Amino acid sequence: MSYEIVMHTAIDILARRRMTIRQITRRLCKKFPDEQPYIDRAIERLMEMGYLDDYAYAQAFARDRMKFRPRGKNFLKLELLKKGIEKEVIVKALDEIEIDENAMACVLFERYKKKTSFLKSKDRRNTLFRYFAQKGISFAAAQAILRENQSLF
């Protein structure tokens, strides 16, 4: 096996889907278990070339998540940690992205109001808090929604 083969494989993998440094390293280690020096060299080169950047990945992931499946900042942090991105990188990336949890909570609340589980619930207040917690919405944003819609509770 050679460095060129490892590098070519890594580029092929990244051409299909954006990945974190940890994700691509795991994939390469699985495919080439005895080639760690070549894998390290390929990862380093991919970072130099700009193909691997955990900071840019975290920002793109957060933007996509906000657009298609809204989640709170806490939930995003957990998801990115699971993907192997360092905590400092996550915090820096998410701080530079405008995440309006109050607006997000309003959107999620409008969706959730239509669900039968909410409509049938005797304790709507706690049901809503649990729902927001599952989505990673902060307690403060959840309280603001409750205050705005007190007539439903």
C-alpha atoms as a PDB file:
ATOM      1  CA  MET A   1       0.000   0.000   0.000  1.00  0.00           C
ATOM      2  CA  SER A   2       1.179   3.525  -0.604  1.00  0.00           C
ATOM      3  CA  TYR A   3       0.434   7.076   0.407  1.00  0.00           C
ATOM      4  CA  GLU A   4      -1.056   7.831  -3.022  1.00  0.00           C
ATOM      5  CA  ILE A   5      -3.652   5.071  -2.667  1.00  0.00           C
ATOM      6  CA  VAL A   6      -4.664   6.274   0.805  1.00  0.00           C
ATOM      7  CA  MET A   7      -4.846   9.877  -0.418  1.00  0.00           C
ATOM      8  CA  HIS A   8      -6.886   8.941  -3.495  1.00  0.00           C
ATOM      9  CA  THR A   9      -9.323   6.937  -1.335  1.00  0.00           C
ATOM     10  CA  ALA A  10      -9.710   9.832   1.093  1.00  0.00           C
ATOM     11  CA  ILE A  11     -10.477  12.265  -1.738  1.00  0.00           C
ATOM     12  CA  ASP A  12     -13.018   9.820  -3.193  1.00  0.00           C
ATOM     13  CA  ILE A  13     -14.756   9.569   0.191  1.00  0.00           C
ATOM     14  CA  LEU A  14     -14.784  13.353   0.686  1.00  0.00           C
ATOM     15  CA  ALA A  15     -16.087  13.902  -2.853  1.00  0.00           C
ATOM     16  CA  ARG A  16     -19.282  12.092  -1.882  1.00  0.00           C
ATOM     17  CA  ARG A  17     -19.850  13.724   1.489  1.00  0.00           C
ATOM     18  CA  ARG A  18     -18.294  16.314   3.762  1.00  0.00           C
ATOM     19  CA  MET A  19     -16.754  14.792   6.899  1.00  0.00           C
ATOM     20  CA  THR A  20     -14.949  15.747  10.065  1.00  0.00           C
ATOM     21  CA  ILE A  21     -11.320  14.866  10.615  1.00  0.00           C
ATOM     22  CA  ARG A  22     -12.305  12.124  13.029  1.00  0.00           C
ATOM     23  CA  GLN A  23     -14.864  10.611  10.647  1.00  0.00           C
ATOM     24  CA  ILE A  24     -12.475  10.396   7.689  1.00  0.00           C
ATOM     25  CA  THR A  25      -9.697   9.065   9.916  1.00  0.00           C
ATOM     26  CA  ARG A  26     -11.959   6.272  11.150  1.00  0.00           C
ATOM     27  CA  ARG A  27     -13.023   5.387   7.605  1.00  0.00           C
ATOM     28  CA  LEU A  28      -9.436   5.243   6.404  1.00  0.00           C
ATOM     29  CA  CYS A  29      -8.281   3.246   9.431  1.00  0.00           C
ATOM     30  CA  LYS A  30     -11.029   0.740   8.772  1.00  0.00           C
ATOM     31  CA  LYS A  31     -10.072   0.418   5.115  1.00  0.00           C
ATOM     32  CA  PHE A  32      -6.293   0.479   5.687  1.00  0.00           C
ATOM     33  CA  PRO A  33      -5.704  -0.869   9.223  1.00  0.00           C
ATOM     34  CA  ASP A  34      -1.910  -1.168   8.898  1.00  0.00           C
ATOM     35  CA  GLU A  35      -1.235   2.161   7.167  1.00  0.00           C
ATOM     36  CA  GLN A  36      -1.453   4.686  10.034  1.00  0.00           C
ATOM     37  CA  PRO A  37       1.580   6.768   8.939  1.00  0.00           C
ATOM     38  CA  TYR A  38       0.108   7.181   5.446  1.00  0.00           C
ATOM     39  CA  ILE A  39      -3.302   8.007   6.894  1.00  0.00           C
ATOM     40  CA  ASP A  40      -1.833  10.682   9.171  1.00  0.00           C
ATOM     41  CA  ARG A  41       0.084  12.174   6.255  1.00  0.00           C
ATOM     42  CA  ALA A  42      -3.016  12.158   4.030  1.00  0.00           C
ATOM     43  CA  ILE A  43      -5.149  13.805   6.738  1.00  0.00           C
ATOM     44  CA  GLU A  44      -2.525  16.493   7.233  1.00  0.00           C
ATOM     45  CA  ARG A  45      -2.355  17.151   3.484  1.00  0.00           C
ATOM     46  CA  LEU A  46      -6.149  17.278   3.151  1.00  0.00           C
ATOM     47  CA  MET A  47      -6.245  19.858   5.940  1.00  0.00           C
ATOM     48  CA  GLU A  48      -3.580  21.946   4.176  1.00  0.00           C
ATOM     49  CA  MET A  49      -5.582  21.761   0.939  1.00  0.00           C
ATOM     50  CA  GLY A  50      -8.759  22.862   2.737  1.00  0.00           C
ATOM     51  CA  TYR A  51     -10.707  19.638   2.153  1.00  0.00           C
ATOM     52  CA  LEU A  52     -10.849  18.937   5.883  1.00  0.00           C
ATOM     53  CA  ASP A  53     -11.826  21.735   8.237  1.00  0.00           C
ATOM     54  CA  ASP A  54     -13.789  20.951  11.398  1.00  0.00           C
ATOM     55  CA  TYR A  55     -14.602  24.623  11.984  1.00  0.00           C
ATOM     56  CA  ALA A  56     -16.155  25.050   8.523  1.00  0.00           C
ATOM     57  CA  TYR A  57     -17.908  21.692   8.922  1.00  0.00           C
ATOM     58  CA  ALA A  58     -19.448  22.771  12.239  1.00  0.00           C
ATOM     59  CA  GLN A  59     -20.720  26.030  10.760  1.00  0.00           C
ATOM     60  CA  ALA A  60     -22.185  24.360   7.663  1.00  0.00           C
ATOM     61  CA  PHE A  61     -23.778  21.623   9.771  1.00  0.00           C
ATOM     62  CA  ALA A  62     -25.378  24.183  12.106  1.00  0.00           C
ATOM     63  CA  ARG A  63     -26.714  26.284   9.216  1.00  0.00           C
ATOM     64  CA  ASP A  64     -28.212  23.233   7.510  1.00  0.00           C
ATOM     65  CA  ARG A  65     -29.714  22.014  10.759  1.00  0.00           C
ATOM     66  CA  MET A  66     -31.320  25.421  11.396  1.00  0.00           C
ATOM     67  CA  LYS A  67     -32.807  25.435   7.923  1.00  0.00           C
ATOM     68  CA  PHE A  68     -34.123  21.874   7.686  1.00  0.00           C
ATOM     69  CA  ARG A  69     -34.461  20.411  11.202  1.00  0.00           C
ATOM     70  CA  PRO A  70     -34.273  23.231  13.762  1.00  0.00           C
ATOM     71  CA  ARG A  71     -32.448  22.414  16.971  1.00  0.00           C
ATOM     72  CA  GLY A  72     -31.195  24.525  19.847  1.00  0.00           C
ATOM     73  CA  LYS A  73     -27.579  25.394  20.454  1.00  0.00           C
ATOM     74  CA  ASN A  74     -27.182  22.740  23.160  1.00  0.00           C
ATOM     75  CA  PHE A  75     -28.423  19.998  20.867  1.00  0.00           C
ATOM     76  CA  LEU A  76     -26.119  21.168  18.065  1.00  0.00           C
ATOM     77  CA  LYS A  77     -23.153  21.050  20.431  1.00  0.00           C
ATOM     78  CA  LEU A  78     -23.953  17.453  21.367  1.00  0.00           C
ATOM     79  CA  GLU A  79     -24.362  16.396  17.746  1.00  0.00           C
ATOM     80  CA  LEU A  80     -21.063  17.972  16.755  1.00  0.00           C
ATOM     81  CA  LEU A  81     -19.277  16.440  19.744  1.00  0.00           C
ATOM     82  CA  LYS A  82     -20.521  13.021  18.612  1.00  0.00           C
ATOM     83  CA  LYS A  83     -19.006  13.692  15.199  1.00  0.00           C
ATOM     84  CA  GLY A  84     -15.619  14.170  16.841  1.00  0.00           C
ATOM     85  CA  ILE A  85     -15.199  17.923  16.704  1.00  0.00           C
ATOM     86  CA  GLU A  86     -13.369  19.499  19.627  1.00  0.00           C
ATOM     87  CA  LYS A  87     -15.466  21.522  22.069  1.00  0.00           C
ATOM     88  CA  GLU A  88     -13.494  24.754  21.545  1.00  0.00           C
ATOM     89  CA  VAL A  89     -14.013  24.558  17.775  1.00  0.00           C
ATOM     90  CA  ILE A  90     -17.735  23.955  18.246  1.00  0.00           C
ATOM     91  CA  VAL A  91     -18.145  26.897  20.620  1.00  0.00           C
ATOM     92  CA  LYS A  92     -16.243  29.229  18.286  1.00  0.00           C
ATOM     93  CA  ALA A  93     -18.205  28.083  15.221  1.00  0.00           C
ATOM     94  CA  LEU A  94     -21.614  28.338  16.881  1.00  0.00           C
ATOM     95  CA  ASP A  95     -20.829  31.738  18.400  1.00  0.00           C
ATOM     96  CA  GLU A  96     -20.254  33.155  14.930  1.00  0.00           C
ATOM     97  CA  ILE A  97     -23.575  31.840  13.635  1.00  0.00           C
ATOM     98  CA  GLU A  98     -26.695  33.740  14.597  1.00  0.00           C
ATOM     99  CA  ILE A  99     -28.984  31.248  16.298  1.00  0.00           C
ATOM    100  CA  ASP A 100     -32.222  32.826  17.467  1.00  0.00           C
ATOM    101  CA  GLU A 101     -33.632  30.239  19.855  1.00  0.00           C
ATOM    102  CA  ASN A 102     -36.737  32.325  20.560  1.00  0.00           C
ATOM    103  CA  ALA A 103     -37.704  32.407  16.880  1.00  0.00           C
ATOM    104  CA  MET A 104     -36.854  28.728  16.561  1.00  0.00           C
ATOM    105  CA  ALA A 105     -38.983  27.939  19.612  1.00  0.00           C
ATOM    106  CA  CYS A 106     -41.925  29.803  18.014  1.00  0.00           C
ATOM    107  CA  VAL A 107     -41.637  27.723  14.838  1.00  0.00           C
ATOM    108  CA  LEU A 108     -41.374  24.493  16.788  1.00  0.00           C
ATOM    109  CA  PHE A 109     -44.294  25.480  19.008  1.00  0.00           C
ATOM    110  CA  GLU A 110     -46.531  26.149  16.002  1.00  0.00           C
ATOM    111  CA  ARG A 111     -45.709  22.688  14.661  1.00  0.00           C
ATOM    112  CA  TYR A 112     -46.188  21.028  18.017  1.00  0.00           C
ATOM    113  CA  LYS A 113     -49.553  22.679  18.736  1.00  0.00           C
ATOM    114  CA  LYS A 114     -51.044  20.683  15.874  1.00  0.00           C
ATOM    115  CA  LYS A 115     -49.973  17.315  17.287  1.00  0.00           C
ATOM    116  CA  THR A 116     -52.616  15.263  19.030  1.00  0.00           C
ATOM    117  CA  SER A 117     -50.266  14.429  21.872  1.00  0.00           C
ATOM    118  CA  PHE A 118     -50.213  18.120  22.775  1.00  0.00           C
ATOM    119  CA  LEU A 119     -53.926  18.637  22.249  1.00  0.00           C
ATOM    120  CA  LYS A 120     -54.875  15.655  24.422  1.00  0.00           C
ATOM    121  CA  SER A 121     -52.295  16.329  27.115  1.00  0.00           C
ATOM    122  CA  LYS A 122     -53.656  17.273  30.525  1.00  0.00           C
ATOM    123  CA  ASP A 123     -50.346  18.805  31.545  1.00  0.00           C
ATOM    124  CA  ARG A 124     -49.519  20.806  28.424  1.00  0.00           C
ATOM    125  CA  ARG A 125     -46.941  22.926  30.185  1.00  0.00           C
ATOM    126  CA  ASN A 126     -44.672  19.996  31.111  1.00  0.00           C
ATOM    127  CA  THR A 127     -45.314  18.322  27.779  1.00  0.00           C
ATOM    128  CA  LEU A 128     -44.084  21.427  25.994  1.00  0.00           C
ATOM    129  CA  PHE A 129     -41.003  21.753  28.209  1.00  0.00           C
ATOM    130  CA  ARG A 130     -40.087  18.133  27.472  1.00  0.00           C
ATOM    131  CA  TYR A 131     -40.563  18.706  23.744  1.00  0.00           C
ATOM    132  CA  PHE A 132     -38.329  21.782  23.789  1.00  0.00           C
ATOM    133  CA  ALA A 133     -35.697  19.939  25.836  1.00  0.00           C
ATOM    134  CA  GLN A 134     -35.630  17.165  23.217  1.00  0.00           C
ATOM    135  CA  LYS A 135     -35.004  19.785  20.544  1.00  0.00           C
ATOM    136  CA  GLY A 136     -32.237  21.462  22.545  1.00  0.00           C
ATOM    137  CA  ILE A 137     -34.153  24.694  23.099  1.00  0.00           C
ATOM    138  CA  SER A 138     -33.029  26.645  26.155  1.00  0.00           C
ATOM    139  CA  PHE A 139     -35.208  26.920  29.241  1.00  0.00           C
ATOM    140  CA  ALA A 140     -35.402  30.707  28.807  1.00  0.00           C
ATOM    141  CA  ALA A 141     -36.747  30.404  25.245  1.00  0.00           C
ATOM    142  CA  ALA A 142     -39.296  27.804  26.400  1.00  0.00           C
ATOM    143  CA  GLN A 143     -40.464  30.108  29.191  1.00  0.00           C
ATOM    144  CA  ALA A 144     -40.863  32.983  26.733  1.00  0.00           C
ATOM    145  CA  ILE A 145     -43.159  30.844  24.560  1.00  0.00           C
ATOM    146  CA  LEU A 146     -45.196  29.883  27.613  1.00  0.00           C
ATOM    147  CA  ARG A 147     -45.593  33.518  28.621  1.00  0.00           C
ATOM    148  CA  GLU A 148     -46.716  34.508  25.109  1.00  0.00           C
ATOM    149  CA  ASN A 149     -49.269  31.684  24.919  1.00  0.00           C
ATOM    150  CA  GLN A 150     -50.594  31.518  28.486  1.00  0.00           C
ATOM    151  CA  SER A 151     -54.161  31.044  27.309  1.00  0.00           C
ATOM    152  CA  LEU A 152     -53.297  27.511  26.106  1.00  0.00           C
ATOM    153  CA  PHE A 153     -51.998  26.456  29.491  1.00  0.00           C
END
